[in-house]
């Protein structure tokens, strides 16, 4: 099984709030890989908006992102683009 991992920083002003979390979870629908995000204290399923909200990730928070599956690298690339674009908010 393929796996990929990176660290991404929340750059948008409002952090990982409801709309950003929904955008992130929706972006993963096209991939089959399991994706998790971790803030160091807890690790959550990146497909769950509720779990993403529980991270309480504000602007400047660095999250460890891990993908496991046949399209792990592609899923990670998509999330990297999403984080870089500030979830399309700014």
PDB file of N, CA and C in Angstrom:
ATOM      1  N   UNK A   1       0.846  -1.193   0.000  1.00  0.00           N
ATOM      2  CA  UNK A   1       0.000   0.000   0.000  1.00  0.00           C
ATOM      3  C   UNK A   1       0.883   1.245   0.000  1.00  0.00           C
ATOM      4  N   UNK A   2       0.548   2.191  -0.839  1.00  0.00           N
ATOM      5  CA  UNK A   2       1.300   3.438  -0.920  1.00  0.00           C
ATOM      6  C   UNK A   2       0.914   4.359   0.235  1.00  0.00           C
ATOM      7  N   UNK A   3       1.879   5.106   0.713  1.00  0.00           N
ATOM      8  CA  UNK A   3       1.622   6.084   1.767  1.00  0.00           C
ATOM      9  C   UNK A   3       2.439   7.335   1.468  1.00  0.00           C
ATOM     10  N   UNK A   4       1.897   8.469   1.857  1.00  0.00           N
ATOM     11  CA  UNK A   4       2.582   9.746   1.677  1.00  0.00           C
ATOM     12  C   UNK A   4       2.253  10.622   2.874  1.00  0.00           C
ATOM     13  N   UNK A   5       3.197  11.485   3.233  1.00  0.00           N
ATOM     14  CA  UNK A   5       3.007  12.318   4.417  1.00  0.00           C
ATOM     15  C   UNK A   5       3.690  13.663   4.209  1.00  0.00           C
ATOM     16  N   UNK A   6       3.078  14.701   4.739  1.00  0.00           N
ATOM     17  CA  UNK A   6       3.670  16.034   4.674  1.00  0.00           C
ATOM     18  C   UNK A   6       3.105  16.873   5.811  1.00  0.00           C
ATOM     19  N   UNK A   7       3.655  18.051   5.999  1.00  0.00           N
ATOM     20  CA  UNK A   7       3.132  19.006   6.973  1.00  0.00           C
ATOM     21  C   UNK A   7       2.670  20.239   6.212  1.00  0.00           C
ATOM     22  N   UNK A   8       1.439  20.663   6.497  1.00  0.00           N
ATOM     23  CA  UNK A   8       0.861  21.830   5.829  1.00  0.00           C
ATOM     24  C   UNK A   8       0.441  22.853   6.874  1.00  0.00           C
ATOM     25  N   UNK A   9       0.541  24.123   6.514  1.00  0.00           N
ATOM     26  CA  UNK A   9       0.184  25.209   7.429  1.00  0.00           C
ATOM     27  C   UNK A   9      -1.121  25.863   6.996  1.00  0.00           C
ATOM     28  N   UNK A  10      -1.990  26.102   7.975  1.00  0.00           N
ATOM     29  CA  UNK A  10      -3.246  26.818   7.720  1.00  0.00           C
ATOM     30  C   UNK A  10      -2.885  28.285   7.494  1.00  0.00           C
ATOM     31  N   UNK A  11      -3.185  28.807   6.319  1.00  0.00           N
ATOM     32  CA  UNK A  11      -2.806  30.185   5.989  1.00  0.00           C
ATOM     33  C   UNK A  11      -3.986  31.151   5.971  1.00  0.00           C
ATOM     34  N   UNK A  12      -5.196  30.619   5.803  1.00  0.00           N
ATOM     35  CA  UNK A  12      -6.334  31.536   5.737  1.00  0.00           C
ATOM     36  C   UNK A  12      -6.627  32.131   7.115  1.00  0.00           C
ATOM     37  N   UNK A  13      -7.104  33.340   7.125  1.00  0.00           N
ATOM     38  CA  UNK A  13      -7.307  34.124   8.342  1.00  0.00           C
ATOM     39  C   UNK A  13      -8.230  33.456   9.355  1.00  0.00           C
ATOM     40  N   UNK A  14      -9.270  32.784   8.881  1.00  0.00           N
ATOM     41  CA  UNK A  14     -10.257  32.193   9.785  1.00  0.00           C
ATOM     42  C   UNK A  14      -9.920  30.769  10.212  1.00  0.00           C
ATOM     43  N   UNK A  15      -8.819  30.227   9.717  1.00  0.00           N
ATOM     44  CA  UNK A  15      -8.431  28.880  10.112  1.00  0.00           C
ATOM     45  C   UNK A  15      -9.322  27.818   9.489  1.00  0.00           C
ATOM     46  N   UNK A  16      -9.310  26.644  10.092  1.00  0.00           N
ATOM     47  CA  UNK A  16     -10.069  25.510   9.571  1.00  0.00           C
ATOM     48  C   UNK A  16     -11.477  25.536  10.168  1.00  0.00           C
ATOM     49  N   UNK A  17     -12.267  26.510   9.752  1.00  0.00           N
ATOM     50  CA  UNK A  17     -13.641  26.668  10.226  1.00  0.00           C
ATOM     51  C   UNK A  17     -14.564  25.804   9.368  1.00  0.00           C
ATOM     52  N   UNK A  18     -15.860  25.903   9.562  1.00  0.00           N
ATOM     53  CA  UNK A  18     -16.819  25.004   8.920  1.00  0.00           C
ATOM     54  C   UNK A  18     -16.708  24.972   7.397  1.00  0.00           C
ATOM     55  N   UNK A  19     -16.660  26.122   6.770  1.00  0.00           N
ATOM     56  CA  UNK A  19     -16.613  26.128   5.305  1.00  0.00           C
ATOM     57  C   UNK A  19     -15.318  25.516   4.781  1.00  0.00           C
ATOM     58  N   UNK A  20     -14.200  25.879   5.399  1.00  0.00           N
ATOM     59  CA  UNK A  20     -12.908  25.325   4.979  1.00  0.00           C
ATOM     60  C   UNK A  20     -12.859  23.815   5.213  1.00  0.00           C
ATOM     61  N   UNK A  21     -13.383  23.359   6.349  1.00  0.00           N
ATOM     62  CA  UNK A  21     -13.411  21.924   6.654  1.00  0.00           C
ATOM     63  C   UNK A  21     -14.285  21.184   5.647  1.00  0.00           C
ATOM     64  N   UNK A  22     -15.411  21.775   5.281  1.00  0.00           N
ATOM     65  CA  UNK A  22     -16.300  21.161   4.286  1.00  0.00           C
ATOM     66  C   UNK A  22     -15.618  21.079   2.924  1.00  0.00           C
ATOM     67  N   UNK A  23     -14.917  22.139   2.547  1.00  0.00           N
ATOM     68  CA  UNK A  23     -14.192  22.164   1.274  1.00  0.00           C
ATOM     69  C   UNK A  23     -13.120  21.081   1.252  1.00  0.00           C
ATOM     70  N   UNK A  24     -12.406  20.936   2.366  1.00  0.00           N
ATOM     71  CA  UNK A  24     -11.353  19.929   2.468  1.00  0.00           C
ATOM     72  C   UNK A  24     -11.941  18.521   2.334  1.00  0.00           C
ATOM     73  N   UNK A  25     -12.984  18.234   3.103  1.00  0.00           N
ATOM     74  CA  UNK A  25     -13.605  16.906   3.062  1.00  0.00           C
ATOM     75  C   UNK A  25     -14.158  16.601   1.670  1.00  0.00           C
ATOM     76  N   UNK A  26     -14.764  17.590   1.039  1.00  0.00           N
ATOM     77  CA  UNK A  26     -15.330  17.397  -0.296  1.00  0.00           C
ATOM     78  C   UNK A  26     -14.232  17.132  -1.330  1.00  0.00           C
ATOM     79  N   UNK A  27     -13.099  17.783  -1.189  1.00  0.00           N
ATOM     80  CA  UNK A  27     -11.989  17.589  -2.130  1.00  0.00           C
ATOM     81  C   UNK A  27     -11.473  16.153  -2.103  1.00  0.00           C
ATOM     82  N   UNK A  28     -11.633  15.492  -0.970  1.00  0.00           N
ATOM     83  CA  UNK A  28     -11.131  14.118  -0.834  1.00  0.00           C
ATOM     84  C   UNK A  28     -12.071  13.073  -1.426  1.00  0.00           C
ATOM     85  N   UNK A  29     -13.272  13.459  -1.793  1.00  0.00           N
ATOM     86  CA  UNK A  29     -14.247  12.497  -2.335  1.00  0.00           C
ATOM     87  C   UNK A  29     -13.761  11.792  -3.592  1.00  0.00           C
ATOM     88  N   UNK A  30     -12.902  12.442  -4.353  1.00  0.00           N
ATOM     89  CA  UNK A  30     -12.426  11.852  -5.607  1.00  0.00           C
ATOM     90  C   UNK A  30     -11.294  10.848  -5.403  1.00  0.00           C
ATOM     91  N   UNK A  31     -10.829  10.700  -4.155  1.00  0.00           N
ATOM     92  CA  UNK A  31      -9.715   9.798  -3.864  1.00  0.00           C
ATOM     93  C   UNK A  31     -10.168   8.637  -2.984  1.00  0.00           C
ATOM     94  N   UNK A  32      -9.534   7.485  -3.160  1.00  0.00           N
ATOM     95  CA  UNK A  32      -9.881   6.317  -2.351  1.00  0.00           C
ATOM     96  C   UNK A  32      -8.993   6.178  -1.118  1.00  0.00           C
ATOM     97  N   UNK A  33      -7.881   6.879  -1.073  1.00  0.00           N
ATOM     98  CA  UNK A  33      -6.939   6.761   0.046  1.00  0.00           C
ATOM     99  C   UNK A  33      -7.543   7.251   1.357  1.00  0.00           C
ATOM    100  N   UNK A  34      -7.092   6.633   2.446  1.00  0.00           N
ATOM    101  CA  UNK A  34      -7.454   7.091   3.789  1.00  0.00           C
ATOM    102  C   UNK A  34      -6.545   8.270   4.110  1.00  0.00           C
ATOM    103  N   UNK A  35      -7.133   9.374   4.565  1.00  0.00           N
ATOM    104  CA  UNK A  35      -6.350  10.581   4.843  1.00  0.00           C
ATOM    105  C   UNK A  35      -6.629  11.039   6.266  1.00  0.00           C
ATOM    106  N   UNK A  36      -5.554  11.312   7.012  1.00  0.00           N
ATOM    107  CA  UNK A  36      -5.699  11.815   8.372  1.00  0.00           C
ATOM    108  C   UNK A  36      -4.933  13.122   8.521  1.00  0.00           C
ATOM    109  N   UNK A  37      -5.408  13.956   9.441  1.00  0.00           N
ATOM    110  CA  UNK A  37      -4.730  15.194   9.808  1.00  0.00           C
ATOM    111  C   UNK A  37      -4.448  15.128  11.296  1.00  0.00           C
ATOM    112  N   UNK A  38      -3.299  15.641  11.699  1.00  0.00           N
ATOM    113  CA  UNK A  38      -2.927  15.624  13.111  1.00  0.00           C
ATOM    114  C   UNK A  38      -2.337  16.968  13.508  1.00  0.00           C
ATOM    115  N   UNK A  39      -2.747  17.457  14.676  1.00  0.00           N
ATOM    116  CA  UNK A  39      -2.185  18.697  15.202  1.00  0.00           C
ATOM    117  C   UNK A  39      -1.150  18.411  16.284  1.00  0.00           C
ATOM    118  N   UNK A  40      -0.776  17.153  16.427  1.00  0.00           N
ATOM    119  CA  UNK A  40       0.182  16.758  17.454  1.00  0.00           C
ATOM    120  C   UNK A  40      -0.504  16.174  18.668  1.00  0.00           C
ATOM    121  N   UNK A  41      -1.642  16.742  19.042  1.00  0.00           N
ATOM    122  CA  UNK A  41      -2.394  16.248  20.192  1.00  0.00           C
ATOM    123  C   UNK A  41      -3.420  15.199  19.781  1.00  0.00           C
ATOM    124  N   UNK A  42      -4.000  15.374  18.606  1.00  0.00           N
ATOM    125  CA  UNK A  42      -4.991  14.404  18.137  1.00  0.00           C
ATOM    126  C   UNK A  42      -4.917  14.235  16.631  1.00  0.00           C
ATOM    127  N   UNK A  43      -5.327  13.049  16.203  1.00  0.00           N
ATOM    128  CA  UNK A  43      -5.342  12.707  14.778  1.00  0.00           C
ATOM    129  C   UNK A  43      -6.780  12.432  14.384  1.00  0.00           C
ATOM    130  N   UNK A  44      -7.217  12.997  13.245  1.00  0.00           N
ATOM    131  CA  UNK A  44      -8.609  12.834  12.825  1.00  0.00           C
ATOM    132  C   UNK A  44      -8.708  12.413  11.365  1.00  0.00           C
ATOM    133  N   UNK A  45      -9.850  11.832  11.034  1.00  0.00           N
ATOM    134  CA  UNK A  45     -10.184  11.452   9.667  1.00  0.00           C
ATOM    135  C   UNK A  45     -10.472  12.736   8.885  1.00  0.00           C
ATOM    136  N   UNK A  46      -9.731  12.966   7.819  1.00  0.00           N
ATOM    137  CA  UNK A  46      -9.876  14.205   7.047  1.00  0.00           C
ATOM    138  C   UNK A  46     -11.166  14.258   6.242  1.00  0.00           C
ATOM    139  N   UNK A  47     -11.892  13.153   6.158  1.00  0.00           N
ATOM    140  CA  UNK A  47     -13.164  13.136   5.433  1.00  0.00           C
ATOM    141  C   UNK A  47     -14.342  13.550   6.320  1.00  0.00           C
ATOM    142  N   UNK A  48     -14.100  13.692   7.612  1.00  0.00           N
ATOM    143  CA  UNK A  48     -15.153  14.031   8.564  1.00  0.00           C
ATOM    144  C   UNK A  48     -15.080  15.510   8.945  1.00  0.00           C
ATOM    145  N   UNK A  49     -16.076  16.269   8.527  1.00  0.00           N
ATOM    146  CA  UNK A  49     -16.107  17.705   8.824  1.00  0.00           C
ATOM    147  C   UNK A  49     -16.107  17.928  10.333  1.00  0.00           C
ATOM    148  N   UNK A  50     -16.894  17.145  11.064  1.00  0.00           N
ATOM    149  CA  UNK A  50     -16.967  17.281  12.521  1.00  0.00           C
ATOM    150  C   UNK A  50     -15.603  17.051  13.156  1.00  0.00           C
ATOM    151  N   UNK A  51     -14.916  16.002  12.716  1.00  0.00           N
ATOM    152  CA  UNK A  51     -13.582  15.704  13.257  1.00  0.00           C
ATOM    153  C   UNK A  51     -12.592  16.815  12.935  1.00  0.00           C
ATOM    154  N   UNK A  52     -12.658  17.335  11.722  1.00  0.00           N
ATOM    155  CA  UNK A  52     -11.766  18.427  11.331  1.00  0.00           C
ATOM    156  C   UNK A  52     -11.987  19.650  12.218  1.00  0.00           C
ATOM    157  N   UNK A  53     -13.236  19.943  12.526  1.00  0.00           N
ATOM    158  CA  UNK A  53     -13.562  21.089  13.375  1.00  0.00           C
ATOM    159  C   UNK A  53     -12.995  20.907  14.784  1.00  0.00           C
ATOM    160  N   UNK A  54     -12.948  19.653  15.247  1.00  0.00           N
ATOM    161  CA  UNK A  54     -12.451  19.367  16.595  1.00  0.00           C
ATOM    162  C   UNK A  54     -10.955  19.658  16.740  1.00  0.00           C
ATOM    163  N   UNK A  55     -10.238  19.771  15.633  1.00  0.00           N
ATOM    164  CA  UNK A  55      -8.814  20.106  15.704  1.00  0.00           C
ATOM    165  C   UNK A  55      -8.594  21.530  16.208  1.00  0.00           C
ATOM    166  N   UNK A  56      -9.583  22.399  16.002  1.00  0.00           N
ATOM    167  CA  UNK A  56      -9.445  23.787  16.430  1.00  0.00           C
ATOM    168  C   UNK A  56      -8.239  24.472  15.798  1.00  0.00           C
ATOM    169  N   UNK A  57      -8.001  24.181  14.526  1.00  0.00           N
ATOM    170  CA  UNK A  57      -6.810  24.680  13.837  1.00  0.00           C
ATOM    171  C   UNK A  57      -7.022  26.096  13.314  1.00  0.00           C
ATOM    172  N   UNK A  58      -6.355  27.042  13.930  1.00  0.00           N
ATOM    173  CA  UNK A  58      -6.436  28.429  13.502  1.00  0.00           C
ATOM    174  C   UNK A  58      -5.322  28.772  12.527  1.00  0.00           C
ATOM    175  N   UNK A  59      -5.319  30.015  12.092  1.00  0.00           N
ATOM    176  CA  UNK A  59      -4.282  30.486  11.167  1.00  0.00           C
ATOM    177  C   UNK A  59      -2.907  30.253  11.780  1.00  0.00           C
ATOM    178  N   UNK A  60      -1.993  29.716  10.979  1.00  0.00           N
ATOM    179  CA  UNK A  60      -0.636  29.454  11.440  1.00  0.00           C
ATOM    180  C   UNK A  60      -0.423  28.058  12.007  1.00  0.00           C
ATOM    181  N   UNK A  61      -1.506  27.317  12.232  1.00  0.00           N
ATOM    182  CA  UNK A  61      -1.387  25.951  12.748  1.00  0.00           C
ATOM    183  C   UNK A  61      -0.769  25.051  11.689  1.00  0.00           C
ATOM    184  N   UNK A  62       0.192  24.244  12.104  1.00  0.00           N
ATOM    185  CA  UNK A  62       0.808  23.275  11.200  1.00  0.00           C
ATOM    186  C   UNK A  62       0.200  21.908  11.476  1.00  0.00           C
ATOM    187  N   UNK A  63      -0.293  21.280  10.419  1.00  0.00           N
ATOM    188  CA  UNK A  63      -0.939  19.980  10.531  1.00  0.00           C
ATOM    189  C   UNK A  63      -0.153  18.930   9.761  1.00  0.00           C
ATOM    190  N   UNK A  64       0.022  17.782  10.382  1.00  0.00           N
ATOM    191  CA  UNK A  64       0.652  16.650   9.702  1.00  0.00           C
ATOM    192  C   UNK A  64      -0.444  15.935   8.923  1.00  0.00           C
ATOM    193  N   UNK A  65      -0.226  15.764   7.636  1.00  0.00           N
ATOM    194  CA  UNK A  65      -1.210  15.128   6.760  1.00  0.00           C
ATOM    195  C   UNK A  65      -0.628  13.808   6.273  1.00  0.00           C
ATOM    196  N   UNK A  66      -1.396  12.735   6.439  1.00  0.00           N
ATOM    197  CA  UNK A  66      -0.947  11.406   6.003  1.00  0.00           C
ATOM    198  C   UNK A  66      -2.030  10.771   5.151  1.00  0.00           C
ATOM    199  N   UNK A  67      -1.619  10.235   4.013  1.00  0.00           N
ATOM    200  CA  UNK A  67      -2.539   9.535   3.110  1.00  0.00           C
ATOM    201  C   UNK A  67      -2.005   8.128   2.873  1.00  0.00           C
ATOM    202  N   UNK A  68      -2.906   7.147   2.899  1.00  0.00           N
ATOM    203  CA  UNK A  68      -2.540   5.757   2.640  1.00  0.00           C
ATOM    204  C   UNK A  68      -3.503   5.178   1.628  1.00  0.00           C
ATOM    205  N   UNK A  69      -2.963   4.658   0.531  1.00  0.00           N
ATOM    206  CA  UNK A  69      -3.790   4.055  -0.503  1.00  0.00           C
ATOM    207  C   UNK A  69      -3.159   4.220  -1.868  1.00  0.00           C
ATOM    208  N   UNK A  70      -3.838   3.709  -2.866  1.00  0.00           N
ATOM    209  CA  UNK A  70      -3.286   3.698  -4.224  1.00  0.00           C
ATOM    210  C   UNK A  70      -3.107   5.095  -4.820  1.00  0.00           C
ATOM    211  N   UNK A  71      -3.886   6.064  -4.346  1.00  0.00           N
ATOM    212  CA  UNK A  71      -3.767   7.433  -4.863  1.00  0.00           C
ATOM    213  C   UNK A  71      -3.327   8.415  -3.768  1.00  0.00           C
ATOM    214  N   UNK A  72      -2.520   7.917  -2.844  1.00  0.00           N
ATOM    215  CA  UNK A  72      -2.078   8.726  -1.701  1.00  0.00           C
ATOM    216  C   UNK A  72      -1.353   9.999  -2.132  1.00  0.00           C
ATOM    217  N   UNK A  73      -0.444   9.883  -3.074  1.00  0.00           N
ATOM    218  CA  UNK A  73       0.333  11.047  -3.516  1.00  0.00           C
ATOM    219  C   UNK A  73      -0.565  12.090  -4.174  1.00  0.00           C
ATOM    220  N   UNK A  74      -1.521  11.637  -4.960  1.00  0.00           N
ATOM    221  CA  UNK A  74      -2.451  12.554  -5.628  1.00  0.00           C
ATOM    222  C   UNK A  74      -3.340  13.267  -4.608  1.00  0.00           C
ATOM    223  N   UNK A  75      -3.801  12.534  -3.602  1.00  0.00           N
ATOM    224  CA  UNK A  75      -4.637  13.133  -2.557  1.00  0.00           C
ATOM    225  C   UNK A  75      -3.852  14.204  -1.808  1.00  0.00           C
ATOM    226  N   UNK A  76      -2.595  13.901  -1.489  1.00  0.00           N
ATOM    227  CA  UNK A  76      -1.755  14.864  -0.789  1.00  0.00           C
ATOM    228  C   UNK A  76      -1.506  16.107  -1.637  1.00  0.00           C
ATOM    229  N   UNK A  77      -1.289  15.925  -2.924  1.00  0.00           N
ATOM    230  CA  UNK A  77      -1.081  17.061  -3.831  1.00  0.00           C
ATOM    231  C   UNK A  77      -2.314  17.954  -3.885  1.00  0.00           C
ATOM    232  N   UNK A  78      -3.495  17.333  -3.922  1.00  0.00           N
ATOM    233  CA  UNK A  78      -4.742  18.102  -3.951  1.00  0.00           C
ATOM    234  C   UNK A  78      -4.907  18.911  -2.669  1.00  0.00           C
ATOM    235  N   UNK A  79      -4.591  18.303  -1.527  1.00  0.00           N
ATOM    236  CA  UNK A  79      -4.711  19.022  -0.259  1.00  0.00           C
ATOM    237  C   UNK A  79      -3.680  20.143  -0.162  1.00  0.00           C
ATOM    238  N   UNK A  80      -2.488  19.899  -0.659  1.00  0.00           N
ATOM    239  CA  UNK A  80      -1.461  20.943  -0.642  1.00  0.00           C
ATOM    240  C   UNK A  80      -1.934  22.159  -1.431  1.00  0.00           C
ATOM    241  N   UNK A  81      -2.522  21.931  -2.587  1.00  0.00           N
ATOM    242  CA  UNK A  81      -3.052  23.032  -3.402  1.00  0.00           C
ATOM    243  C   UNK A  81      -4.166  23.764  -2.670  1.00  0.00           C
ATOM    244  N   UNK A  82      -5.012  23.008  -1.984  1.00  0.00           N
ATOM    245  CA  UNK A  82      -6.126  23.593  -1.244  1.00  0.00           C
ATOM    246  C   UNK A  82      -5.614  24.484  -0.112  1.00  0.00           C
ATOM    247  N   UNK A  83      -4.630  24.001   0.639  1.00  0.00           N
ATOM    248  CA  UNK A  83      -4.050  24.788   1.726  1.00  0.00           C
ATOM    249  C   UNK A  83      -3.367  26.035   1.172  1.00  0.00           C
ATOM    250  N   UNK A  84      -2.620  25.877   0.063  1.00  0.00           N
ATOM    251  CA  UNK A  84      -1.911  27.009  -0.537  1.00  0.00           C
ATOM    252  C   UNK A  84      -2.879  28.082  -1.038  1.00  0.00           C
ATOM    253  N   UNK A  85      -4.045  27.657  -1.519  1.00  0.00           N
ATOM    254  CA  UNK A  85      -5.035  28.611  -2.037  1.00  0.00           C
ATOM    255  C   UNK A  85      -5.924  29.172  -0.927  1.00  0.00           C
ATOM    256  N   UNK A  86      -5.570  28.852   0.322  1.00  0.00           N
ATOM    257  CA  UNK A  86      -6.343  29.317   1.489  1.00  0.00           C
ATOM    258  C   UNK A  86      -7.803  28.869   1.400  1.00  0.00           C
ATOM    259  N   UNK A  87      -8.004  27.667   0.886  1.00  0.00           N
ATOM    260  CA  UNK A  87      -9.337  27.075   0.753  1.00  0.00           C
ATOM    261  C   UNK A  87     -10.256  27.935  -0.111  1.00  0.00           C
ATOM    262  N   UNK A  88      -9.656  28.740  -1.002  1.00  0.00           N
ATOM    263  CA  UNK A  88     -10.423  29.582  -1.906  1.00  0.00           C
ATOM    264  C   UNK A  88     -11.090  30.761  -1.238  1.00  0.00           C
ATOM    265  N   UNK A  89     -10.608  31.146  -0.062  1.00  0.00           N
ATOM    266  CA  UNK A  89     -11.275  32.200   0.712  1.00  0.00           C
ATOM    267  C   UNK A  89     -10.678  33.584   0.553  1.00  0.00           C
ATOM    268  N   UNK A  90      -9.409  33.696   0.257  1.00  0.00           N
ATOM    269  CA  UNK A  90      -8.784  35.023   0.266  1.00  0.00           C
ATOM    270  C   UNK A  90      -8.043  35.280  -1.022  1.00  0.00           C
TER     271      UNK A  90
END
